[in-house]
Amino acid sequence: MKNFFVLTLMAIMLLQTFSKVVVLVDFQANKEYIMEFLCINRDKPELECEGKCQLTKKLKAQHDTDKQANERGQKQEVQVNLYCQSLPVFTSYSPIAIVSFLSNYSFSHTSVAYHSIFHPPKTIV
């Protein structure tokens, strides 16, 4: 059931997209009937219309329908920025500068591990 629903929606979308092609195929399939019964110029064989008047009428009607659908479906454009032009400023700090209160304990230890982990990659040549 789900596959049938999906295939039906796809067929409707494709028919809407290729509506002019559908009109042309319909004209070619029913050309004899159109020439004999629907053509405006069927009484004037010297014009050699062969139903092209009906084809032109159907294509114009299809064009007008598409134009009306586009006018109804037009929406206001919304611009969304997906990137940031300015980079945020990161301030670096040293762990020793943060602990600046008075104490009897001497801070002789430096943060060697902090600088040994976070460094630019080295290229091996």
PDB file of N, CA and C in Angstrom:
ATOM      1  N   MET A   1       0.822  -1.189   0.000  1.00  0.00           N
ATOM      2  CA  MET A   1       0.000   0.000   0.000  1.00  0.00           C
ATOM      3  C   MET A   1       0.868   1.256   0.000  1.00  0.00           C
ATOM      4  N   LYS A   2       1.930   1.214   0.796  1.00  0.00           N
ATOM      5  CA  LYS A   2       2.824   2.365   0.886  1.00  0.00           C
ATOM      6  C   LYS A   2       3.513   2.603  -0.458  1.00  0.00           C
ATOM      7  N   ASN A   3       3.953   1.535  -1.113  1.00  0.00           N
ATOM      8  CA  ASN A   3       4.614   1.673  -2.412  1.00  0.00           C
ATOM      9  C   ASN A   3       3.653   2.228  -3.458  1.00  0.00           C
ATOM     10  N   PHE A   4       2.407   1.800  -3.422  1.00  0.00           N
ATOM     11  CA  PHE A   4       1.405   2.315  -4.359  1.00  0.00           C
ATOM     12  C   PHE A   4       1.201   3.806  -4.169  1.00  0.00           C
ATOM     13  N   PHE A   5       1.134   4.241  -2.912  1.00  0.00           N
ATOM     14  CA  PHE A   5       0.955   5.659  -2.592  1.00  0.00           C
ATOM     15  C   PHE A   5       2.149   6.477  -3.086  1.00  0.00           C
ATOM     16  N   VAL A   6       3.347   5.989  -2.850  1.00  0.00           N
ATOM     17  CA  VAL A   6       4.554   6.682  -3.283  1.00  0.00           C
ATOM     18  C   VAL A   6       4.616   6.757  -4.804  1.00  0.00           C
ATOM     19  N   LEU A   7       4.317   5.659  -5.478  1.00  0.00           N
ATOM     20  CA  LEU A   7       4.343   5.654  -6.947  1.00  0.00           C
ATOM     21  C   LEU A   7       3.275   6.579  -7.531  1.00  0.00           C
ATOM     22  N   THR A   8       2.115   6.638  -6.898  1.00  0.00           N
ATOM     23  CA  THR A   8       1.063   7.542  -7.370  1.00  0.00           C
ATOM     24  C   THR A   8       1.486   8.993  -7.231  1.00  0.00           C
ATOM     25  N   LEU A   9       2.069   9.354  -6.101  1.00  0.00           N
ATOM     26  CA  LEU A   9       2.544  10.734  -5.910  1.00  0.00           C
ATOM     27  C   LEU A   9       3.650  11.081  -6.905  1.00  0.00           C
ATOM     28  N   MET A  10       4.547  10.153  -7.149  1.00  0.00           N
ATOM     29  CA  MET A  10       5.621  10.403  -8.118  1.00  0.00           C
ATOM     30  C   MET A  10       5.051  10.597  -9.516  1.00  0.00           C
ATOM     31  N   ALA A  11       4.063   9.794  -9.884  1.00  0.00           N
ATOM     32  CA  ALA A  11       3.443   9.924 -11.205  1.00  0.00           C
ATOM     33  C   ALA A  11       2.749  11.271 -11.354  1.00  0.00           C
ATOM     34  N   ILE A  12       2.055  11.715 -10.318  1.00  0.00           N
ATOM     35  CA  ILE A  12       1.381  13.018 -10.360  1.00  0.00           C
ATOM     36  C   ILE A  12       2.393  14.138 -10.503  1.00  0.00           C
ATOM     37  N   MET A  13       3.488  14.058  -9.763  1.00  0.00           N
ATOM     38  CA  MET A  13       4.524  15.093  -9.859  1.00  0.00           C
ATOM     39  C   MET A  13       5.167  15.104 -11.232  1.00  0.00           C
ATOM     40  N   LEU A  14       5.420  13.936 -11.796  1.00  0.00           N
ATOM     41  CA  LEU A  14       6.021  13.881 -13.130  1.00  0.00           C
ATOM     42  C   LEU A  14       5.060  14.389 -14.198  1.00  0.00           C
ATOM     43  N   LEU A  15       3.771  14.076 -14.066  1.00  0.00           N
ATOM     44  CA  LEU A  15       2.790  14.585 -15.025  1.00  0.00           C
ATOM     45  C   LEU A  15       2.702  16.107 -14.964  1.00  0.00           C
ATOM     46  N   GLN A  16       2.787  16.655 -13.764  1.00  0.00           N
ATOM     47  CA  GLN A  16       2.749  18.102 -13.627  1.00  0.00           C
ATOM     48  C   GLN A  16       4.001  18.729 -14.232  1.00  0.00           C
ATOM     49  N   THR A  17       5.129  18.088 -14.046  1.00  0.00           N
ATOM     50  CA  THR A  17       6.381  18.623 -14.568  1.00  0.00           C
ATOM     51  C   THR A  17       6.417  18.552 -16.087  1.00  0.00           C
ATOM     52  N   PHE A  18       5.963  17.455 -16.644  1.00  0.00           N
ATOM     53  CA  PHE A  18       6.010  17.264 -18.088  1.00  0.00           C
ATOM     54  C   PHE A  18       4.632  17.444 -18.715  1.00  0.00           C
ATOM     55  N   SER A  19       3.872  18.441 -18.271  1.00  0.00           N
ATOM     56  CA  SER A  19       2.511  18.623 -18.748  1.00  0.00           C
ATOM     57  C   SER A  19       2.463  18.965 -20.235  1.00  0.00           C
ATOM     58  N   LYS A  20       3.418  19.721 -20.721  1.00  0.00           N
ATOM     59  CA  LYS A  20       3.434  20.060 -22.147  1.00  0.00           C
ATOM     60  C   LYS A  20       3.731  18.832 -22.996  1.00  0.00           C
ATOM     61  N   VAL A  21       4.574  17.964 -22.496  1.00  0.00           N
ATOM     62  CA  VAL A  21       4.867  16.727 -23.214  1.00  0.00           C
ATOM     63  C   VAL A  21       3.615  15.851 -23.254  1.00  0.00           C
ATOM     64  N   VAL A  22       2.847  15.832 -22.171  1.00  0.00           N
ATOM     65  CA  VAL A  22       1.616  15.048 -22.126  1.00  0.00           C
ATOM     66  C   VAL A  22       0.625  15.583 -23.161  1.00  0.00           C
ATOM     67  N   VAL A  23       0.538  16.909 -23.293  1.00  0.00           N
ATOM     68  CA  VAL A  23      -0.360  17.507 -24.291  1.00  0.00           C
ATOM     69  C   VAL A  23       0.080  17.115 -25.693  1.00  0.00           C
ATOM     70  N   LEU A  24       1.382  17.152 -25.962  1.00  0.00           N
ATOM     71  CA  LEU A  24       1.887  16.780 -27.290  1.00  0.00           C
ATOM     72  C   LEU A  24       1.639  15.295 -27.599  1.00  0.00           C
ATOM     73  N   VAL A  25       1.857  14.436 -26.622  1.00  0.00           N
ATOM     74  CA  VAL A  25       1.624  13.001 -26.821  1.00  0.00           C
ATOM     75  C   VAL A  25       0.137  12.742 -27.050  1.00  0.00           C
ATOM     76  N   ASP A  26      -0.710  13.425 -26.293  1.00  0.00           N
ATOM     77  CA  ASP A  26      -2.154  13.280 -26.486  1.00  0.00           C
ATOM     78  C   ASP A  26      -2.560  13.747 -27.884  1.00  0.00           C
ATOM     79  N   PHE A  27      -1.959  14.827 -28.342  1.00  0.00           N
ATOM     80  CA  PHE A  27      -2.265  15.313 -29.694  1.00  0.00           C
ATOM     81  C   PHE A  27      -1.855  14.294 -30.754  1.00  0.00           C
ATOM     82  N   GLN A  28      -0.660  13.742 -30.608  1.00  0.00           N
ATOM     83  CA  GLN A  28      -0.190  12.760 -31.595  1.00  0.00           C
ATOM     84  C   GLN A  28      -1.034  11.485 -31.571  1.00  0.00           C
ATOM     85  N   ALA A  29      -1.470  11.081 -30.385  1.00  0.00           N
ATOM     86  CA  ALA A  29      -2.266   9.857 -30.270  1.00  0.00           C
ATOM     87  C   ALA A  29      -3.664  10.034 -30.863  1.00  0.00           C
ATOM     88  N   ASN A  30      -4.226  11.218 -30.747  1.00  0.00           N
ATOM     89  CA  ASN A  30      -5.599  11.476 -31.205  1.00  0.00           C
ATOM     90  C   ASN A  30      -5.641  12.417 -32.402  1.00  0.00           C
ATOM     91  N   LYS A  31      -4.607  12.429 -33.206  1.00  0.00           N
ATOM     92  CA  LYS A  31      -4.509  13.381 -34.310  1.00  0.00           C
ATOM     93  C   LYS A  31      -5.639  13.211 -35.322  1.00  0.00           C
ATOM     94  N   GLU A  32      -5.971  11.983 -35.668  1.00  0.00           N
ATOM     95  CA  GLU A  32      -7.033  11.743 -36.653  1.00  0.00           C
ATOM     96  C   GLU A  32      -8.381  12.250 -36.136  1.00  0.00           C
ATOM     97  N   TYR A  33      -8.690  11.965 -34.877  1.00  0.00           N
ATOM     98  CA  TYR A  33      -9.960  12.423 -34.293  1.00  0.00           C
ATOM     99  C   TYR A  33     -10.007  13.938 -34.237  1.00  0.00           C
ATOM    100  N   ILE A  34      -8.906  14.570 -33.821  1.00  0.00           N
ATOM    101  CA  ILE A  34      -8.850  16.033 -33.731  1.00  0.00           C
ATOM    102  C   ILE A  34      -9.029  16.657 -35.111  1.00  0.00           C
ATOM    103  N   MET A  35      -8.358  16.104 -36.132  1.00  0.00           N
ATOM    104  CA  MET A  35      -8.473  16.655 -37.488  1.00  0.00           C
ATOM    105  C   MET A  35      -9.904  16.525 -38.012  1.00  0.00           C
ATOM    106  N   GLU A  36     -10.582  15.432 -37.684  1.00  0.00           N
ATOM    107  CA  GLU A  36     -11.902  15.181 -38.253  1.00  0.00           C
ATOM    108  C   GLU A  36     -13.021  15.901 -37.515  1.00  0.00           C
ATOM    109  N   PHE A  37     -12.945  15.976 -36.154  1.00  0.00           N
ATOM    110  CA  PHE A  37     -14.073  16.496 -35.398  1.00  0.00           C
ATOM    111  C   PHE A  37     -13.815  17.811 -34.667  1.00  0.00           C
ATOM    112  N   LEU A  38     -12.604  18.072 -34.203  1.00  0.00           N
ATOM    113  CA  LEU A  38     -12.354  19.227 -33.342  1.00  0.00           C
ATOM    114  C   LEU A  38     -11.704  20.408 -34.051  1.00  0.00           C
ATOM    115  N   CYS A  39     -11.079  20.182 -35.157  1.00  0.00           N
ATOM    116  CA  CYS A  39     -10.329  21.244 -35.826  1.00  0.00           C
ATOM    117  C   CYS A  39     -11.273  22.350 -36.308  1.00  0.00           C
ATOM    118  N   ILE A  40     -10.887  23.571 -36.059  1.00  0.00           N
ATOM    119  CA  ILE A  40     -11.672  24.723 -36.488  1.00  0.00           C
ATOM    120  C   ILE A  40     -11.648  24.843 -38.009  1.00  0.00           C
ATOM    121  N   ASN A  41     -10.527  24.534 -38.623  1.00  0.00           N
ATOM    122  CA  ASN A  41     -10.342  24.695 -40.061  1.00  0.00           C
ATOM    123  C   ASN A  41     -10.573  23.391 -40.838  1.00  0.00           C
ATOM    124  N   ARG A  42     -11.413  22.499 -40.326  1.00  0.00           N
ATOM    125  CA  ARG A  42     -11.625  21.219 -41.018  1.00  0.00           C
ATOM    126  C   ARG A  42     -12.356  21.392 -42.353  1.00  0.00           C
ATOM    127  N   ASP A  43     -13.081  22.506 -42.516  1.00  0.00           N
ATOM    128  CA  ASP A  43     -13.775  22.774 -43.772  1.00  0.00           C
ATOM    129  C   ASP A  43     -12.867  23.455 -44.802  1.00  0.00           C
ATOM    130  N   LYS A  44     -11.650  23.811 -44.393  1.00  0.00           N
ATOM    131  CA  LYS A  44     -10.707  24.491 -45.289  1.00  0.00           C
ATOM    132  C   LYS A  44      -9.432  23.651 -45.416  1.00  0.00           C
ATOM    133  N   PRO A  45      -9.443  22.616 -46.247  1.00  0.00           N
ATOM    134  CA  PRO A  45      -8.274  21.742 -46.362  1.00  0.00           C
ATOM    135  C   PRO A  45      -7.069  22.428 -46.992  1.00  0.00           C
ATOM    136  N   GLU A  46      -7.270  23.545 -47.677  1.00  0.00           N
ATOM    137  CA  GLU A  46      -6.143  24.245 -48.298  1.00  0.00           C
ATOM    138  C   GLU A  46      -5.206  24.871 -47.259  1.00  0.00           C
ATOM    139  N   LEU A  47      -5.685  25.079 -46.028  1.00  0.00           N
ATOM    140  CA  LEU A  47      -4.832  25.630 -44.959  1.00  0.00           C
ATOM    141  C   LEU A  47      -3.876  24.588 -44.385  1.00  0.00           C
ATOM    142  N   GLU A  48      -4.172  23.320 -44.594  1.00  0.00           N
ATOM    143  CA  GLU A  48      -3.365  22.212 -44.075  1.00  0.00           C
ATOM    144  C   GLU A  48      -3.096  22.359 -42.567  1.00  0.00           C
ATOM    145  N   CYS A  49      -4.152  22.638 -41.836  1.00  0.00           N
ATOM    146  CA  CYS A  49      -4.042  22.839 -40.379  1.00  0.00           C
ATOM    147  C   CYS A  49      -3.749  21.527 -39.665  1.00  0.00           C
ATOM    148  N   GLU A  50      -4.435  20.494 -40.043  1.00  0.00           N
ATOM    149  CA  GLU A  50      -4.257  19.157 -39.474  1.00  0.00           C
ATOM    150  C   GLU A  50      -4.353  19.129 -37.952  1.00  0.00           C
ATOM    151  N   GLY A  51      -5.205  19.967 -37.393  1.00  0.00           N
ATOM    152  CA  GLY A  51      -5.433  19.973 -35.945  1.00  0.00           C
ATOM    153  C   GLY A  51      -4.444  20.798 -35.155  1.00  0.00           C
ATOM    154  N   LYS A  52      -3.556  21.497 -35.818  1.00  0.00           N
ATOM    155  CA  LYS A  52      -2.561  22.306 -35.097  1.00  0.00           C
ATOM    156  C   LYS A  52      -3.214  23.457 -34.337  1.00  0.00           C
ATOM    157  N   CYS A  53      -4.383  23.885 -34.801  1.00  0.00           N
ATOM    158  CA  CYS A  53      -5.097  24.948 -34.087  1.00  0.00           C
ATOM    159  C   CYS A  53      -5.516  24.459 -32.700  1.00  0.00           C
ATOM    160  N   GLN A  54      -5.965  23.222 -32.618  1.00  0.00           N
ATOM    161  CA  GLN A  54      -6.341  22.646 -31.324  1.00  0.00           C
ATOM    162  C   GLN A  54      -5.112  22.451 -30.430  1.00  0.00           C
ATOM    163  N   LEU A  55      -4.006  22.045 -31.039  1.00  0.00           N
ATOM    164  CA  LEU A  55      -2.768  21.883 -30.277  1.00  0.00           C
ATOM    165  C   LEU A  55      -2.316  23.217 -29.706  1.00  0.00           C
ATOM    166  N   THR A  56      -2.368  24.255 -30.518  1.00  0.00           N
ATOM    167  CA  THR A  56      -1.979  25.590 -30.054  1.00  0.00           C
ATOM    168  C   THR A  56      -2.894  26.050 -28.931  1.00  0.00           C
ATOM    169  N   LYS A  57      -4.196  25.789 -29.070  1.00  0.00           N
ATOM    170  CA  LYS A  57      -5.161  26.183 -28.041  1.00  0.00           C
ATOM    171  C   LYS A  57      -4.877  25.456 -26.724  1.00  0.00           C
ATOM    172  N   LYS A  58      -4.603  24.149 -26.797  1.00  0.00           N
ATOM    173  CA  LYS A  58      -4.325  23.372 -25.582  1.00  0.00           C
ATOM    174  C   LYS A  58      -3.007  23.802 -24.932  1.00  0.00           C
ATOM    175  N   LEU A  59      -1.992  24.066 -25.746  1.00  0.00           N
ATOM    176  CA  LEU A  59      -0.706  24.511 -25.184  1.00  0.00           C
ATOM    177  C   LEU A  59      -0.838  25.885 -24.529  1.00  0.00           C
ATOM    178  N   LYS A  60      -1.624  26.774 -25.127  1.00  0.00           N
ATOM    179  CA  LYS A  60      -1.831  28.090 -24.529  1.00  0.00           C
ATOM    180  C   LYS A  60      -2.590  27.961 -23.208  1.00  0.00           C
ATOM    181  N   ALA A  61      -3.609  27.091 -23.182  1.00  0.00           N
ATOM    182  CA  ALA A  61      -4.358  26.864 -21.945  1.00  0.00           C
ATOM    183  C   ALA A  61      -3.446  26.279 -20.866  1.00  0.00           C
ATOM    184  N   GLN A  62      -2.571  25.351 -21.247  1.00  0.00           N
ATOM    185  CA  GLN A  62      -1.638  24.754 -20.285  1.00  0.00           C
ATOM    186  C   GLN A  62      -0.660  25.807 -19.765  1.00  0.00           C
ATOM    187  N   HIS A  63      -0.195  26.682 -20.653  1.00  0.00           N
ATOM    188  CA  HIS A  63       0.731  27.745 -20.258  1.00  0.00           C
ATOM    189  C   HIS A  63       0.050  28.700 -19.277  1.00  0.00           C
ATOM    190  N   ASP A  64      -1.209  29.050 -19.547  1.00  0.00           N
ATOM    191  CA  ASP A  64      -1.942  29.937 -18.645  1.00  0.00           C
ATOM    192  C   ASP A  64      -2.160  29.281 -17.282  1.00  0.00           C
ATOM    193  N   THR A  65      -2.449  27.997 -17.283  1.00  0.00           N
ATOM    194  CA  THR A  65      -2.629  27.274 -16.023  1.00  0.00           C
ATOM    195  C   THR A  65      -1.330  27.251 -15.222  1.00  0.00           C
ATOM    196  N   ASP A  66      -0.210  26.987 -15.895  1.00  0.00           N
ATOM    197  CA  ASP A  66       1.090  26.988 -15.212  1.00  0.00           C
ATOM    198  C   ASP A  66       1.425  28.370 -14.667  1.00  0.00           C
ATOM    199  N   LYS A  67       1.106  29.389 -15.441  1.00  0.00           N
ATOM    200  CA  LYS A  67       1.406  30.759 -15.010  1.00  0.00           C
ATOM    201  C   LYS A  67       0.590  31.123 -13.766  1.00  0.00           C
ATOM    202  N   GLN A  68      -0.689  30.745 -13.750  1.00  0.00           N
ATOM    203  CA  GLN A  68      -1.528  31.020 -12.579  1.00  0.00           C
ATOM    204  C   GLN A  68      -1.031  30.249 -11.365  1.00  0.00           C
ATOM    205  N   ALA A  69      -0.603  29.010 -11.565  1.00  0.00           N
ATOM    206  CA  ALA A  69      -0.086  28.211 -10.449  1.00  0.00           C
ATOM    207  C   ALA A  69       1.200  28.820  -9.904  1.00  0.00           C
ATOM    208  N   ASN A  70       2.047  29.337 -10.782  1.00  0.00           N
ATOM    209  CA  ASN A  70       3.282  29.966 -10.327  1.00  0.00           C
ATOM    210  C   ASN A  70       2.993  31.243  -9.556  1.00  0.00           C
ATOM    211  N   GLU A  71       2.002  32.017 -10.007  1.00  0.00           N
ATOM    212  CA  GLU A  71       1.670  33.259  -9.300  1.00  0.00           C
ATOM    213  C   GLU A  71       1.086  32.969  -7.926  1.00  0.00           C
ATOM    214  N   ARG A  72       0.278  31.919  -7.819  1.00  0.00           N
ATOM    215  CA  ARG A  72      -0.273  31.541  -6.514  1.00  0.00           C
ATOM    216  C   ARG A  72       0.799  30.982  -5.607  1.00  0.00           C
ATOM    217  N   GLY A  73       1.734  30.241  -6.183  1.00  0.00           N
ATOM    218  CA  GLY A  73       2.738  29.553  -5.385  1.00  0.00           C
ATOM    219  C   GLY A  73       3.944  30.395  -5.029  1.00  0.00           C
ATOM    220  N   GLN A  74       4.007  31.614  -5.565  1.00  0.00           N
ATOM    221  CA  GLN A  74       5.177  32.437  -5.253  1.00  0.00           C
ATOM    222  C   GLN A  74       5.124  32.861  -3.800  1.00  0.00           C
ATOM    223  N   LYS A  75       6.248  32.737  -3.160  1.00  0.00           N
ATOM    224  CA  LYS A  75       6.354  33.131  -1.765  1.00  0.00           C
ATOM    225  C   LYS A  75       7.485  34.126  -1.638  1.00  0.00           C
ATOM    226  N   GLN A  76       7.455  34.855  -0.566  1.00  0.00           N
ATOM    227  CA  GLN A  76       8.492  35.840  -0.328  1.00  0.00           C
ATOM    228  C   GLN A  76       9.797  35.115   0.006  1.00  0.00           C
ATOM    229  N   GLU A  77      10.865  35.575  -0.612  1.00  0.00           N
ATOM    230  CA  GLU A  77      12.151  34.933  -0.372  1.00  0.00           C
ATOM    231  C   GLU A  77      12.680  35.319   1.002  1.00  0.00           C
ATOM    232  N   VAL A  78      13.230  34.352   1.674  1.00  0.00           N
ATOM    233  CA  VAL A  78      13.820  34.566   2.983  1.00  0.00           C
ATOM    234  C   VAL A  78      15.294  34.221   2.870  1.00  0.00           C
ATOM    235  N   GLN A  79      16.126  35.152   3.256  1.00  0.00           N
ATOM    236  CA  GLN A  79      17.561  34.927   3.171  1.00  0.00           C
ATOM    237  C   GLN A  79      18.077  34.479   4.535  1.00  0.00           C
ATOM    238  N   VAL A  80      18.765  33.360   4.538  1.00  0.00           N
ATOM    239  CA  VAL A  80      19.306  32.805   5.767  1.00  0.00           C
ATOM    240  C   VAL A  80      20.819  32.718   5.613  1.00  0.00           C
ATOM    241  N   ASN A  81      21.540  33.324   6.546  1.00  0.00           N
ATOM    242  CA  ASN A  81      22.997  33.246   6.520  1.00  0.00           C
ATOM    243  C   ASN A  81      23.432  31.942   7.167  1.00  0.00           C
ATOM    244  N   LEU A  82      24.165  31.157   6.418  1.00  0.00           N
ATOM    245  CA  LEU A  82      24.620  29.874   6.929  1.00  0.00           C
ATOM    246  C   LEU A  82      26.087  29.903   7.347  1.00  0.00           C
ATOM    247  N   TYR A  83      26.671  31.056   7.370  1.00  0.00           N
ATOM    248  CA  TYR A  83      28.065  31.168   7.760  1.00  0.00           C
ATOM    249  C   TYR A  83      28.251  32.462   8.532  1.00  0.00           C
ATOM    250  N   CYS A  84      29.357  32.542   9.230  1.00  0.00           N
ATOM    251  CA  CYS A  84      29.686  33.723  10.021  1.00  0.00           C
ATOM    252  C   CYS A  84      30.925  34.360   9.420  1.00  0.00           C
ATOM    253  N   GLN A  85      30.838  35.640   9.093  1.00  0.00           N
ATOM    254  CA  GLN A  85      31.969  36.297   8.450  1.00  0.00           C
ATOM    255  C   GLN A  85      33.067  36.674   9.436  1.00  0.00           C
ATOM    256  N   SER A  86      32.723  36.938  10.673  1.00  0.00           N
ATOM    257  CA  SER A  86      33.746  37.290  11.654  1.00  0.00           C
ATOM    258  C   SER A  86      33.939  36.129  12.612  1.00  0.00           C
ATOM    259  N   LEU A  87      35.182  35.835  12.897  1.00  0.00           N
ATOM    260  CA  LEU A  87      35.497  34.732  13.797  1.00  0.00           C
ATOM    261  C   LEU A  87      35.494  35.227  15.239  1.00  0.00           C
ATOM    262  N   PRO A  88      35.058  34.402  16.167  1.00  0.00           N
ATOM    263  CA  PRO A  88      35.086  34.826  17.566  1.00  0.00           C
ATOM    264  C   PRO A  88      36.531  34.902  18.070  1.00  0.00           C
ATOM    265  N   VAL A  89      36.763  35.798  18.984  1.00  0.00           N
ATOM    266  CA  VAL A  89      38.106  36.000  19.530  1.00  0.00           C
ATOM    267  C   VAL A  89      38.246  35.136  20.782  1.00  0.00           C
ATOM    268  N   PHE A  90      39.230  34.258  20.752  1.00  0.00           N
ATOM    269  CA  PHE A  90      39.506  33.414  21.902  1.00  0.00           C
ATOM    270  C   PHE A  90      40.723  33.977  22.624  1.00  0.00           C
ATOM    271  N   THR A  91      40.576  34.183  23.895  1.00  0.00           N
ATOM    272  CA  THR A  91      41.708  34.679  24.681  1.00  0.00           C
ATOM    273  C   THR A  91      42.359  33.496  25.386  1.00  0.00           C
ATOM    274  N   SER A  92      43.649  33.472  25.316  1.00  0.00           N
ATOM    275  CA  SER A  92      44.367  32.394  25.990  1.00  0.00           C
ATOM    276  C   SER A  92      44.711  32.835  27.409  1.00  0.00           C
ATOM    277  N   TYR A  93      44.849  31.899  28.264  1.00  0.00           N
ATOM    278  CA  TYR A  93      45.202  32.190  29.646  1.00  0.00           C
ATOM    279  C   TYR A  93      46.226  31.175  30.108  1.00  0.00           C
ATOM    280  N   SER A  94      46.977  31.556  31.056  1.00  0.00           N
ATOM    281  CA  SER A  94      47.917  30.608  31.637  1.00  0.00           C
ATOM    282  C   SER A  94      47.370  30.178  32.992  1.00  0.00           C
ATOM    283  N   PRO A  95      47.491  28.918  33.326  1.00  0.00           N
ATOM    284  CA  PRO A  95      46.943  28.446  34.594  1.00  0.00           C
ATOM    285  C   PRO A  95      47.596  29.098  35.803  1.00  0.00           C
ATOM    286  N   ILE A  96      48.811  29.573  35.660  1.00  0.00           N
ATOM    287  CA  ILE A  96      49.498  30.192  36.793  1.00  0.00           C
ATOM    288  C   ILE A  96      48.915  31.564  37.078  1.00  0.00           C
ATOM    289  N   ALA A  97      48.495  32.282  36.043  1.00  0.00           N
ATOM    290  CA  ALA A  97      47.964  33.626  36.230  1.00  0.00           C
ATOM    291  C   ALA A  97      46.596  33.607  36.901  1.00  0.00           C
ATOM    292  N   ILE A  98      45.867  32.524  36.787  1.00  0.00           N
ATOM    293  CA  ILE A  98      44.545  32.456  37.393  1.00  0.00           C
ATOM    294  C   ILE A  98      44.661  32.387  38.913  1.00  0.00           C
ATOM    295  N   VAL A  99      45.611  31.621  39.418  1.00  0.00           N
ATOM    296  CA  VAL A  99      45.785  31.469  40.861  1.00  0.00           C
ATOM    297  C   VAL A  99      46.740  32.562  41.320  1.00  0.00           C
ATOM    298  N   SER A 100      46.168  33.680  41.700  1.00  0.00           N
ATOM    299  CA  SER A 100      47.020  34.805  42.087  1.00  0.00           C
ATOM    300  C   SER A 100      46.723  35.297  43.501  1.00  0.00           C
ATOM    301  N   PHE A 101      46.151  34.426  44.324  1.00  0.00           N
ATOM    302  CA  PHE A 101      45.890  34.839  45.696  1.00  0.00           C
ATOM    303  C   PHE A 101      47.124  34.563  46.560  1.00  0.00           C
ATOM    304  N   LEU A 102      47.228  35.201  47.675  1.00  0.00           N
ATOM    305  CA  LEU A 102      48.375  35.063  48.566  1.00  0.00           C
ATOM    306  C   LEU A 102      48.265  33.757  49.353  1.00  0.00           C
ATOM    307  N   SER A 103      49.386  33.054  49.370  1.00  0.00           N
ATOM    308  CA  SER A 103      49.407  31.800  50.088  1.00  0.00           C
ATOM    309  C   SER A 103      50.843  31.501  50.513  1.00  0.00           C
ATOM    310  N   ASN A 104      50.989  30.652  51.497  1.00  0.00           N
ATOM    311  CA  ASN A 104      52.311  30.250  51.940  1.00  0.00           C
ATOM    312  C   ASN A 104      52.855  29.128  51.065  1.00  0.00           C
ATOM    313  N   TYR A 105      52.022  28.558  50.264  1.00  0.00           N
ATOM    314  CA  TYR A 105      52.438  27.461  49.390  1.00  0.00           C
ATOM    315  C   TYR A 105      53.138  28.039  48.175  1.00  0.00           C
ATOM    316  N   SER A 106      54.269  27.494  47.821  1.00  0.00           N
ATOM    317  CA  SER A 106      54.999  28.002  46.668  1.00  0.00           C
ATOM    318  C   SER A 106      54.619  27.186  45.433  1.00  0.00           C
ATOM    319  N   PHE A 107      54.297  27.872  44.385  1.00  0.00           N
ATOM    320  CA  PHE A 107      53.936  27.234  43.127  1.00  0.00           C
ATOM    321  C   PHE A 107      55.168  27.138  42.245  1.00  0.00           C
ATOM    322  N   SER A 108      55.921  26.114  42.437  1.00  0.00           N
ATOM    323  CA  SER A 108      57.110  25.949  41.613  1.00  0.00           C
ATOM    324  C   SER A 108      56.816  25.080  40.395  1.00  0.00           C
ATOM    325  N   HIS A 109      55.658  24.525  40.380  1.00  0.00           N
ATOM    326  CA  HIS A 109      55.297  23.656  39.265  1.00  0.00           C
ATOM    327  C   HIS A 109      54.754  24.492  38.109  1.00  0.00           C
ATOM    328  N   THR A 110      55.264  24.273  36.939  1.00  0.00           N
ATOM    329  CA  THR A 110      54.747  24.939  35.735  1.00  0.00           C
ATOM    330  C   THR A 110      53.897  23.949  34.955  1.00  0.00           C
ATOM    331  N   SER A 111      53.099  24.470  34.132  1.00  0.00           N
ATOM    332  CA  SER A 111      52.189  23.634  33.359  1.00  0.00           C
ATOM    333  C   SER A 111      52.866  23.182  32.075  1.00  0.00           C
ATOM    334  N   VAL A 112      53.735  22.208  32.193  1.00  0.00           N
ATOM    335  CA  VAL A 112      54.422  21.675  31.028  1.00  0.00           C
ATOM    336  C   VAL A 112      53.461  20.802  30.213  1.00  0.00           C
ATOM    337  N   ALA A 113      52.610  20.077  30.900  1.00  0.00           N
ATOM    338  CA  ALA A 113      51.681  19.188  30.214  1.00  0.00           C
ATOM    339  C   ALA A 113      50.687  19.983  29.365  1.00  0.00           C
ATOM    340  N   TYR A 114      50.316  21.155  29.831  1.00  0.00           N
ATOM    341  CA  TYR A 114      49.380  21.999  29.103  1.00  0.00           C
ATOM    342  C   TYR A 114      49.954  22.380  27.750  1.00  0.00           C
ATOM    343  N   HIS A 115      51.222  22.748  27.723  1.00  0.00           N
ATOM    344  CA  HIS A 115      51.842  23.165  26.475  1.00  0.00           C
ATOM    345  C   HIS A 115      52.309  21.985  25.632  1.00  0.00           C
ATOM    346  N   SER A 116      52.512  20.839  26.236  1.00  0.00           N
ATOM    347  CA  SER A 116      52.971  19.697  25.457  1.00  0.00           C
ATOM    348  C   SER A 116      51.834  19.023  24.689  1.00  0.00           C
ATOM    349  N   ILE A 117      50.613  19.182  25.178  1.00  0.00           N
ATOM    350  CA  ILE A 117      49.493  18.551  24.487  1.00  0.00           C
ATOM    351  C   ILE A 117      48.968  19.435  23.360  1.00  0.00           C
ATOM    352  N   PHE A 118      48.746  20.692  23.637  1.00  0.00           N
ATOM    353  CA  PHE A 118      48.154  21.603  22.669  1.00  0.00           C
ATOM    354  C   PHE A 118      49.242  22.377  21.926  1.00  0.00           C
ATOM    355  N   HIS A 119      49.629  21.846  20.806  1.00  0.00           N
ATOM    356  CA  HIS A 119      50.633  22.503  19.963  1.00  0.00           C
ATOM    357  C   HIS A 119      50.289  22.221  18.510  1.00  0.00           C
ATOM    358  N   PRO A 120      50.797  23.032  17.605  1.00  0.00           N
ATOM    359  CA  PRO A 120      50.519  22.768  16.202  1.00  0.00           C
ATOM    360  C   PRO A 120      51.160  21.463  15.760  1.00  0.00           C
ATOM    361  N   PRO A 121      50.601  20.808  14.783  1.00  0.00           N
ATOM    362  CA  PRO A 121      51.170  19.554  14.324  1.00  0.00           C
ATOM    363  C   PRO A 121      52.536  19.778  13.682  1.00  0.00           C
ATOM    364  N   LYS A 122      53.408  18.806  13.873  1.00  0.00           N
ATOM    365  CA  LYS A 122      54.741  18.876  13.291  1.00  0.00           C
ATOM    366  C   LYS A 122      54.758  18.098  11.999  1.00  0.00           C
ATOM    367  N   THR A 123      55.406  18.638  11.025  1.00  0.00           N
ATOM    368  CA  THR A 123      55.518  17.920   9.747  1.00  0.00           C
ATOM    369  C   THR A 123      56.774  17.083   9.764  1.00  0.00           C
ATOM    370  N   ILE A 124      56.656  15.883   9.328  1.00  0.00           N
ATOM    371  CA  ILE A 124      57.803  14.967   9.253  1.00  0.00           C
ATOM    372  C   ILE A 124      58.283  14.961   7.820  1.00  0.00           C
ATOM    373  N   VAL A 125      59.531  15.344   7.630  1.00  0.00           N
ATOM    374  CA  VAL A 125      60.077  15.411   6.276  1.00  0.00           C
ATOM    375  C   VAL A 125      61.090  14.330   6.069  1.00  0.00           C
TER     376      VAL A 125
END
